[in-house]
Amino acid sequence: MVYGEPGSGKTYLAATAQDSEDTKPILFLDVEGGVTTLRKRKDVDVVAVRSMDDVTRVHNDLFRDTSHYYKTVILDSLSELQKLDMRTVMQAEKDKSPTPERVDVDAPTQRAWGISGEHVRRVVRAYRDLPCHTIMTALVGTEFDTDEKGKEDKGHVKLYYPLFPGKLRGEIPGFFDVVGFLQADADRQGNQTRTLQVAKTKRVVAKDRTASLGLIVKEPSIPMMWSMIHGEQVTNNT
């Protein structure tokens, strides 16, 4: 799982799986409608998904494909999929309600949170268990320190984490072998440097079960990370 701010390069990083013989061909599930990043890549198969049902149908097709054609499946992004699903769940509650005018689809109920949360867990488990590699992206959530009056101090971030509501925030990272926080910083000349933090600290939720990637991977790509995990020489990580 790769998480970060919009524009940090999550989509681009995930799509570099197409550049390794060990992880291509890839199937890219576009939830956000943000594949402009891939417009120059004619070698990536993209499927637009706009609901949990779409994601389930794609999974079933992959599960039935005995040729295992795709070596990697990418879902971009899980945060957006959860939001879309929540609206679908709330619309279903509105449709079933005897007083639909009292149901606000933009104000989820506790029951809706529970239903949508279980939908997300099922999708992550199902894709993780396919006979291929799975990469998912997410937006970043932030938790702020509080001042002496108990108010959030927006100038001091306490924690960065993959953006999911409620219990999902702690559960979803547990499904993945690698969870990385992707950041993009620009110098005065406008040149961007990207870093992927894969080691947990007090401020950043991250993990690397392979114990091969160090603390931070500079200018990360999937082929680079694959080589590091499999013991090949890579020099631009710390």
C-alpha atoms as a PDB file:
ATOM      1  CA  MET A   1       0.000   0.000   0.000  1.00  0.00           C
ATOM      2  CA  VAL A   2       1.208   3.464  -0.939  1.00  0.00           C
ATOM      3  CA  TYR A   3      -0.422   6.494   0.677  1.00  0.00           C
ATOM      4  CA  GLY A   4       0.194  10.214   0.395  1.00  0.00           C
ATOM      5  CA  GLU A   5      -1.134  13.613  -0.591  1.00  0.00           C
ATOM      6  CA  PRO A   6      -2.817  14.136  -3.976  1.00  0.00           C
ATOM      7  CA  GLY A   7      -0.079  14.756  -6.530  1.00  0.00           C
ATOM      8  CA  SER A   8       2.639  13.002  -4.552  1.00  0.00           C
ATOM      9  CA  GLY A   9       3.058  10.383  -7.285  1.00  0.00           C
ATOM     10  CA  LYS A  10       1.127   7.386  -5.959  1.00  0.00           C
ATOM     11  CA  THR A  11      -0.409   6.512  -9.327  1.00  0.00           C
ATOM     12  CA  TYR A  12       2.897   6.903 -11.146  1.00  0.00           C
ATOM     13  CA  LEU A  13       4.757   4.768  -8.602  1.00  0.00           C
ATOM     14  CA  ALA A  14       2.200   1.964  -8.719  1.00  0.00           C
ATOM     15  CA  ALA A  15       2.254   1.915 -12.521  1.00  0.00           C
ATOM     16  CA  THR A  16       6.012   1.363 -12.598  1.00  0.00           C
ATOM     17  CA  ALA A  17       5.183  -2.275 -11.880  1.00  0.00           C
ATOM     18  CA  GLN A  18       4.771  -2.457 -15.665  1.00  0.00           C
ATOM     19  CA  ASP A  19       8.538  -1.843 -15.974  1.00  0.00           C
ATOM     20  CA  SER A  20       9.614  -5.137 -14.409  1.00  0.00           C
ATOM     21  CA  GLU A  21       9.406  -8.566 -16.002  1.00  0.00           C
ATOM     22  CA  ASP A  22       8.568  -9.925 -12.553  1.00  0.00           C
ATOM     23  CA  THR A  23       5.478  -7.752 -12.049  1.00  0.00           C
ATOM     24  CA  LYS A  24       4.076  -7.115 -15.528  1.00  0.00           C
ATOM     25  CA  PRO A  25       1.607  -7.087 -17.167  1.00  0.00           C
ATOM     26  CA  ILE A  26      -0.475  -5.006 -14.781  1.00  0.00           C
ATOM     27  CA  LEU A  27      -4.191  -4.306 -14.568  1.00  0.00           C
ATOM     28  CA  PHE A  28      -4.955  -0.815 -13.270  1.00  0.00           C
ATOM     29  CA  LEU A  29      -8.312  -0.268 -11.562  1.00  0.00           C
ATOM     30  CA  ASP A  30      -9.067   3.442 -11.789  1.00  0.00           C
ATOM     31  CA  VAL A  31     -11.421   4.522  -9.018  1.00  0.00           C
ATOM     32  CA  GLU A  32     -10.464   8.200  -8.863  1.00  0.00           C
ATOM     33  CA  GLY A  33     -10.650   8.947 -12.573  1.00  0.00           C
ATOM     34  CA  GLY A  34      -7.082  10.177 -12.286  1.00  0.00           C
ATOM     35  CA  VAL A  35      -5.221   8.238 -14.956  1.00  0.00           C
ATOM     36  CA  THR A  36      -3.988  11.380 -16.706  1.00  0.00           C
ATOM     37  CA  THR A  37      -0.665  10.443 -15.132  1.00  0.00           C
ATOM     38  CA  LEU A  38      -0.673   7.330 -17.326  1.00  0.00           C
ATOM     39  CA  ARG A  39      -1.702   8.994 -20.587  1.00  0.00           C
ATOM     40  CA  LYS A  40       1.737   8.380 -22.127  1.00  0.00           C
ATOM     41  CA  ARG A  41       1.715   4.730 -21.126  1.00  0.00           C
ATOM     42  CA  LYS A  42       0.081   2.703 -23.860  1.00  0.00           C
ATOM     43  CA  ASP A  43       1.222  -0.562 -22.265  1.00  0.00           C
ATOM     44  CA  VAL A  44      -1.048  -0.368 -19.186  1.00  0.00           C
ATOM     45  CA  ASP A  45      -4.520  -1.926 -19.183  1.00  0.00           C
ATOM     46  CA  VAL A  46      -6.913   0.397 -17.328  1.00  0.00           C
ATOM     47  CA  VAL A  47     -10.415  -0.460 -16.112  1.00  0.00           C
ATOM     48  CA  ALA A  48     -12.667   2.286 -14.773  1.00  0.00           C
ATOM     49  CA  VAL A  49     -14.461   1.236 -11.587  1.00  0.00           C
ATOM     50  CA  ARG A  50     -17.031   3.435  -9.915  1.00  0.00           C
ATOM     51  CA  SER A  51     -18.577   1.138  -7.328  1.00  0.00           C
ATOM     52  CA  MET A  52     -17.870  -1.804  -5.079  1.00  0.00           C
ATOM     53  CA  ASP A  53     -19.863  -3.966  -7.513  1.00  0.00           C
ATOM     54  CA  ASP A  54     -17.438  -3.037 -10.309  1.00  0.00           C
ATOM     55  CA  VAL A  55     -14.484  -4.024  -8.139  1.00  0.00           C
ATOM     56  CA  THR A  56     -16.143  -7.327  -7.254  1.00  0.00           C
ATOM     57  CA  ARG A  57     -16.825  -8.136 -10.914  1.00  0.00           C
ATOM     58  CA  VAL A  58     -13.184  -7.514 -11.851  1.00  0.00           C
ATOM     59  CA  HIS A  59     -12.020  -9.691  -8.967  1.00  0.00           C
ATOM     60  CA  ASN A  60     -14.300 -12.533 -10.069  1.00  0.00           C
ATOM     61  CA  ASP A  61     -12.970 -12.310 -13.641  1.00  0.00           C
ATOM     62  CA  LEU A  62      -9.382 -12.465 -12.362  1.00  0.00           C
ATOM     63  CA  PHE A  63     -10.189 -15.358 -10.051  1.00  0.00           C
ATOM     64  CA  ARG A  64     -11.675 -17.353 -12.938  1.00  0.00           C
ATOM     65  CA  ASP A  65      -8.739 -16.608 -15.255  1.00  0.00           C
ATOM     66  CA  THR A  66      -6.745 -19.836 -15.009  1.00  0.00           C
ATOM     67  CA  SER A  67      -3.999 -18.399 -17.232  1.00  0.00           C
ATOM     68  CA  HIS A  68      -3.129 -15.843 -14.519  1.00  0.00           C
ATOM     69  CA  TYR A  69      -2.309 -13.357 -17.269  1.00  0.00           C
ATOM     70  CA  TYR A  70      -1.903 -10.322 -15.025  1.00  0.00           C
ATOM     71  CA  LYS A  71       1.003 -10.480 -12.584  1.00  0.00           C
ATOM     72  CA  THR A  72      -0.036  -7.317 -10.732  1.00  0.00           C
ATOM     73  CA  VAL A  73      -3.366  -5.663  -9.976  1.00  0.00           C
ATOM     74  CA  ILE A  74      -3.471  -2.029  -8.838  1.00  0.00           C
ATOM     75  CA  LEU A  75      -6.433  -0.359  -7.127  1.00  0.00           C
ATOM     76  CA  ASP A  76      -6.214   3.443  -7.150  1.00  0.00           C
ATOM     77  CA  SER A  77      -7.457   4.415  -4.630  1.00  0.00           C
ATOM     78  CA  LEU A  78      -8.958   2.475  -1.739  1.00  0.00           C
ATOM     79  CA  SER A  79      -9.782   5.692   0.122  1.00  0.00           C
ATOM     80  CA  GLU A  80     -11.948   6.867  -2.767  1.00  0.00           C
ATOM     81  CA  LEU A  81     -13.574   3.452  -3.134  1.00  0.00           C
ATOM     82  CA  GLN A  82     -14.608   3.548   0.526  1.00  0.00           C
ATOM     83  CA  LYS A  83     -16.196   6.961   0.063  1.00  0.00           C
ATOM     84  CA  LEU A  84     -18.088   5.830  -3.038  1.00  0.00           C
ATOM     85  CA  ASP A  85     -19.295   2.722  -1.260  1.00  0.00           C
ATOM     86  CA  MET A  86     -20.486   4.708   1.749  1.00  0.00           C
ATOM     87  CA  ARG A  87     -22.676   6.842  -0.486  1.00  0.00           C
ATOM     88  CA  THR A  88     -24.075   3.693  -2.119  1.00  0.00           C
ATOM     89  CA  VAL A  89     -24.854   2.196   1.300  1.00  0.00           C
ATOM     90  CA  MET A  90     -26.571   5.385   2.440  1.00  0.00           C
ATOM     91  CA  GLN A  91     -28.579   5.592  -0.786  1.00  0.00           C
ATOM     92  CA  ALA A  92     -29.781   2.032  -0.141  1.00  0.00           C
ATOM     93  CA  GLU A  93     -30.861   3.056   3.373  1.00  0.00           C
ATOM     94  CA  LYS A  94     -32.735   6.016   1.932  1.00  0.00           C
ATOM     95  CA  ASP A  95     -34.483   3.833  -0.655  1.00  0.00           C
ATOM     96  CA  LYS A  96     -35.613   1.358   2.012  1.00  0.00           C
ATOM     97  CA  SER A  97     -36.686   3.936   4.554  1.00  0.00           C
ATOM     98  CA  PRO A  98     -40.426   4.577   5.087  1.00  0.00           C
ATOM     99  CA  THR A  99     -39.434   8.245   5.540  1.00  0.00           C
ATOM    100  CA  PRO A 100     -36.738   8.752   2.881  1.00  0.00           C
ATOM    101  CA  GLU A 101     -36.975  12.532   3.200  1.00  0.00           C
ATOM    102  CA  ARG A 102     -35.389  12.194   6.629  1.00  0.00           C
ATOM    103  CA  VAL A 103     -32.364  10.268   5.372  1.00  0.00           C
ATOM    104  CA  ASP A 104     -29.342  12.364   4.408  1.00  0.00           C
ATOM    105  CA  VAL A 105     -27.015  10.300   2.220  1.00  0.00           C
ATOM    106  CA  ASP A 106     -24.174  12.615   3.194  1.00  0.00           C
ATOM    107  CA  ALA A 107     -24.594  11.887   6.907  1.00  0.00           C
ATOM    108  CA  PRO A 108     -23.672   8.201   7.401  1.00  0.00           C
ATOM    109  CA  THR A 109     -25.318   6.272  10.196  1.00  0.00           C
ATOM    110  CA  GLN A 110     -23.457   3.923  12.525  1.00  0.00           C
ATOM    111  CA  ARG A 111     -25.011   0.989  10.680  1.00  0.00           C
ATOM    112  CA  ALA A 112     -23.752   2.351   7.349  1.00  0.00           C
ATOM    113  CA  TRP A 113     -20.216   2.715   8.734  1.00  0.00           C
ATOM    114  CA  GLY A 114     -20.304  -0.930   9.759  1.00  0.00           C
ATOM    115  CA  ILE A 115     -21.605  -2.165   6.401  1.00  0.00           C
ATOM    116  CA  SER A 116     -19.157  -0.135   4.329  1.00  0.00           C
ATOM    117  CA  GLY A 117     -16.262  -1.089   6.558  1.00  0.00           C
ATOM    118  CA  GLU A 118     -16.952  -4.773   6.035  1.00  0.00           C
ATOM    119  CA  HIS A 119     -17.214  -4.214   2.272  1.00  0.00           C
ATOM    120  CA  VAL A 120     -13.728  -2.675   2.256  1.00  0.00           C
ATOM    121  CA  ARG A 121     -12.253  -5.498   4.333  1.00  0.00           C
ATOM    122  CA  ARG A 122     -13.711  -8.098   1.962  1.00  0.00           C
ATOM    123  CA  VAL A 123     -12.281  -6.369  -1.093  1.00  0.00           C
ATOM    124  CA  VAL A 124      -8.807  -6.063   0.400  1.00  0.00           C
ATOM    125  CA  ARG A 125      -8.781  -9.700   1.520  1.00  0.00           C
ATOM    126  CA  ALA A 126     -10.107 -10.924  -1.834  1.00  0.00           C
ATOM    127  CA  TYR A 127      -7.541  -9.051  -3.917  1.00  0.00           C
ATOM    128  CA  ARG A 128      -4.709  -9.908  -1.542  1.00  0.00           C
ATOM    129  CA  ASP A 129      -5.495 -13.596  -1.952  1.00  0.00           C
ATOM    130  CA  LEU A 130      -5.430 -13.561  -5.766  1.00  0.00           C
ATOM    131  CA  PRO A 131      -2.456 -15.411  -7.341  1.00  0.00           C
ATOM    132  CA  CYS A 132      -0.758 -12.143  -8.280  1.00  0.00           C
ATOM    133  CA  HIS A 133       0.795  -9.064  -6.714  1.00  0.00           C
ATOM    134  CA  THR A 134      -1.562  -6.435  -5.331  1.00  0.00           C
ATOM    135  CA  ILE A 135      -0.856  -2.720  -4.972  1.00  0.00           C
ATOM    136  CA  MET A 136      -3.373  -0.292  -3.507  1.00  0.00           C
ATOM    137  CA  THR A 137      -3.112   3.445  -2.971  1.00  0.00           C
ATOM    138  CA  ALA A 138      -4.740   5.645  -0.361  1.00  0.00           C
ATOM    139  CA  LEU A 139      -4.871   9.276   0.637  1.00  0.00           C
ATOM    140  CA  VAL A 140      -3.024  10.444   3.738  1.00  0.00           C
ATOM    141  CA  GLY A 141      -4.776  11.290   6.973  1.00  0.00           C
ATOM    142  CA  THR A 142      -3.243  13.528   9.629  1.00  0.00           C
ATOM    143  CA  GLU A 143      -3.653  13.729  13.362  1.00  0.00           C
ATOM    144  CA  PHE A 144      -2.600  16.978  15.005  1.00  0.00           C
ATOM    145  CA  ASP A 145      -1.146  17.752  18.392  1.00  0.00           C
ATOM    146  CA  THR A 146      -3.382  19.806  20.670  1.00  0.00           C
ATOM    147  CA  ASP A 147      -2.582  23.055  22.422  1.00  0.00           C
ATOM    148  CA  GLU A 148      -3.011  23.643  26.149  1.00  0.00           C
ATOM    149  CA  LYS A 149      -6.718  24.338  25.610  1.00  0.00           C
ATOM    150  CA  GLY A 150      -7.262  21.021  23.860  1.00  0.00           C
ATOM    151  CA  LYS A 151      -7.633  22.527  20.373  1.00  0.00           C
ATOM    152  CA  GLU A 152      -5.864  21.057  17.356  1.00  0.00           C
ATOM    153  CA  ASP A 153      -2.586  22.802  16.586  1.00  0.00           C
ATOM    154  CA  LYS A 154      -2.575  22.786  12.793  1.00  0.00           C
ATOM    155  CA  GLY A 155       1.100  23.697  12.749  1.00  0.00           C
ATOM    156  CA  HIS A 156       2.194  20.497  14.474  1.00  0.00           C
ATOM    157  CA  VAL A 157       1.302  17.163  12.883  1.00  0.00           C
ATOM    158  CA  LYS A 158       1.380  14.297  15.344  1.00  0.00           C
ATOM    159  CA  LEU A 159       0.738  11.395  12.991  1.00  0.00           C
ATOM    160  CA  TYR A 160       0.462  10.512   9.293  1.00  0.00           C
ATOM    161  CA  TYR A 161      -1.591   7.435   8.347  1.00  0.00           C
ATOM    162  CA  PRO A 162      -3.566   5.908   5.428  1.00  0.00           C
ATOM    163  CA  LEU A 163      -6.895   7.713   5.298  1.00  0.00           C
ATOM    164  CA  PHE A 164      -9.685   5.371   6.388  1.00  0.00           C
ATOM    165  CA  PRO A 165     -12.484   5.917   8.889  1.00  0.00           C
ATOM    166  CA  GLY A 166     -12.901   4.312  12.285  1.00  0.00           C
ATOM    167  CA  LYS A 167     -11.440   0.861  12.878  1.00  0.00           C
ATOM    168  CA  LEU A 168     -10.333   0.576   9.233  1.00  0.00           C
ATOM    169  CA  ARG A 169      -7.568   3.062   9.954  1.00  0.00           C
ATOM    170  CA  GLY A 170      -5.784   0.503  12.118  1.00  0.00           C
ATOM    171  CA  GLU A 171      -6.908  -2.651  10.325  1.00  0.00           C
ATOM    172  CA  ILE A 172      -6.228  -2.007   6.640  1.00  0.00           C
ATOM    173  CA  PRO A 173      -2.425  -1.590   6.900  1.00  0.00           C
ATOM    174  CA  GLY A 174      -2.294  -5.020   8.525  1.00  0.00           C
ATOM    175  CA  PHE A 175      -3.336  -6.715   5.278  1.00  0.00           C
ATOM    176  CA  PHE A 176      -0.205  -5.586   3.416  1.00  0.00           C
ATOM    177  CA  ASP A 177       3.439  -6.677   3.509  1.00  0.00           C
ATOM    178  CA  VAL A 178       4.662  -3.160   2.720  1.00  0.00           C
ATOM    179  CA  VAL A 179       2.975   0.123   3.659  1.00  0.00           C
ATOM    180  CA  GLY A 180       4.728   3.289   2.545  1.00  0.00           C
ATOM    181  CA  PHE A 181       4.154   7.012   3.038  1.00  0.00           C
ATOM    182  CA  LEU A 182       5.019   8.803  -0.209  1.00  0.00           C
ATOM    183  CA  GLN A 183       6.102  12.445  -0.149  1.00  0.00           C
ATOM    184  CA  ALA A 184       7.138  14.834  -2.910  1.00  0.00           C
ATOM    185  CA  ASP A 185       9.281  17.864  -2.115  1.00  0.00           C
ATOM    186  CA  ALA A 186      10.369  20.566  -4.550  1.00  0.00           C
ATOM    187  CA  ASP A 187      13.525  22.676  -4.362  1.00  0.00           C
ATOM    188  CA  ARG A 188      13.753  26.361  -5.316  1.00  0.00           C
ATOM    189  CA  GLN A 189      14.227  25.426  -8.961  1.00  0.00           C
ATOM    190  CA  GLY A 190      11.039  23.377  -8.929  1.00  0.00           C
ATOM    191  CA  ASN A 191      12.781  20.014  -9.125  1.00  0.00           C
ATOM    192  CA  GLN A 192      10.840  17.347  -7.260  1.00  0.00           C
ATOM    193  CA  THR A 193      12.282  14.644  -5.064  1.00  0.00           C
ATOM    194  CA  ARG A 194      10.092  11.750  -3.984  1.00  0.00           C
ATOM    195  CA  THR A 195      10.672   9.611  -0.917  1.00  0.00           C
ATOM    196  CA  LEU A 196       8.801   6.576   0.342  1.00  0.00           C
ATOM    197  CA  GLN A 197       8.994   5.922   4.075  1.00  0.00           C
ATOM    198  CA  VAL A 198       8.464   2.248   4.821  1.00  0.00           C
ATOM    199  CA  ALA A 199       9.592   2.057   8.459  1.00  0.00           C
ATOM    200  CA  LYS A 200       7.206   2.950  11.279  1.00  0.00           C
ATOM    201  CA  THR A 201       8.083   5.916  13.462  1.00  0.00           C
ATOM    202  CA  LYS A 202       6.214   7.891  16.103  1.00  0.00           C
ATOM    203  CA  ARG A 203       4.828  10.180  13.378  1.00  0.00           C
ATOM    204  CA  VAL A 204       4.361   7.865  10.415  1.00  0.00           C
ATOM    205  CA  VAL A 205       2.384   4.649   9.981  1.00  0.00           C
ATOM    206  CA  ALA A 206       4.488   2.368   7.780  1.00  0.00           C
ATOM    207  CA  LYS A 207       5.788  -1.194   7.630  1.00  0.00           C
ATOM    208  CA  ASP A 208       8.075  -3.515   5.717  1.00  0.00           C
ATOM    209  CA  ARG A 209       7.658  -7.196   6.515  1.00  0.00           C
ATOM    210  CA  THR A 210      10.481  -8.016   4.107  1.00  0.00           C
ATOM    211  CA  ALA A 211      12.963  -5.993   6.217  1.00  0.00           C
ATOM    212  CA  SER A 212      14.732  -5.142   2.949  1.00  0.00           C
ATOM    213  CA  LEU A 213      13.867  -1.538   2.141  1.00  0.00           C
ATOM    214  CA  GLY A 214      15.443   0.375   4.984  1.00  0.00           C
ATOM    215  CA  LEU A 215      13.793   3.472   6.425  1.00  0.00           C
ATOM    216  CA  ILE A 216      13.281   5.553   3.278  1.00  0.00           C
ATOM    217  CA  VAL A 217      13.455   4.701  -0.417  1.00  0.00           C
ATOM    218  CA  LYS A 218      14.500   7.677  -2.536  1.00  0.00           C
ATOM    219  CA  GLU A 219      12.879   8.116  -5.958  1.00  0.00           C
ATOM    220  CA  PRO A 220      11.092   4.783  -5.528  1.00  0.00           C
ATOM    221  CA  SER A 221       9.851   2.507  -8.271  1.00  0.00           C
ATOM    222  CA  ILE A 222       8.390  -0.977  -8.127  1.00  0.00           C
ATOM    223  CA  PRO A 223      11.332  -2.525 -10.060  1.00  0.00           C
ATOM    224  CA  MET A 224      13.749  -0.894  -7.605  1.00  0.00           C
ATOM    225  CA  MET A 225      11.844  -2.145  -4.582  1.00  0.00           C
ATOM    226  CA  TRP A 226      11.506  -5.613  -6.096  1.00  0.00           C
ATOM    227  CA  SER A 227      15.290  -5.741  -6.579  1.00  0.00           C
ATOM    228  CA  MET A 228      15.901  -4.616  -2.999  1.00  0.00           C
ATOM    229  CA  ILE A 229      13.526  -7.207  -1.600  1.00  0.00           C
ATOM    230  CA  HIS A 230      15.272  -9.922  -3.595  1.00  0.00           C
ATOM    231  CA  GLY A 231      18.748  -8.905  -2.527  1.00  0.00           C
ATOM    232  CA  GLU A 232      19.981  -7.135  -5.639  1.00  0.00           C
ATOM    233  CA  GLN A 233      22.289  -4.135  -5.321  1.00  0.00           C
ATOM    234  CA  VAL A 234      20.528  -0.761  -5.133  1.00  0.00           C
ATOM    235  CA  THR A 235      22.336   2.386  -4.021  1.00  0.00           C
ATOM    236  CA  ASN A 236      19.805   5.215  -3.678  1.00  0.00           C
ATOM    237  CA  ASN A 237      18.014   4.262  -0.466  1.00  0.00           C
ATOM    238  CA  THR A 238      18.676   5.050   3.173  1.00  0.00           C
END
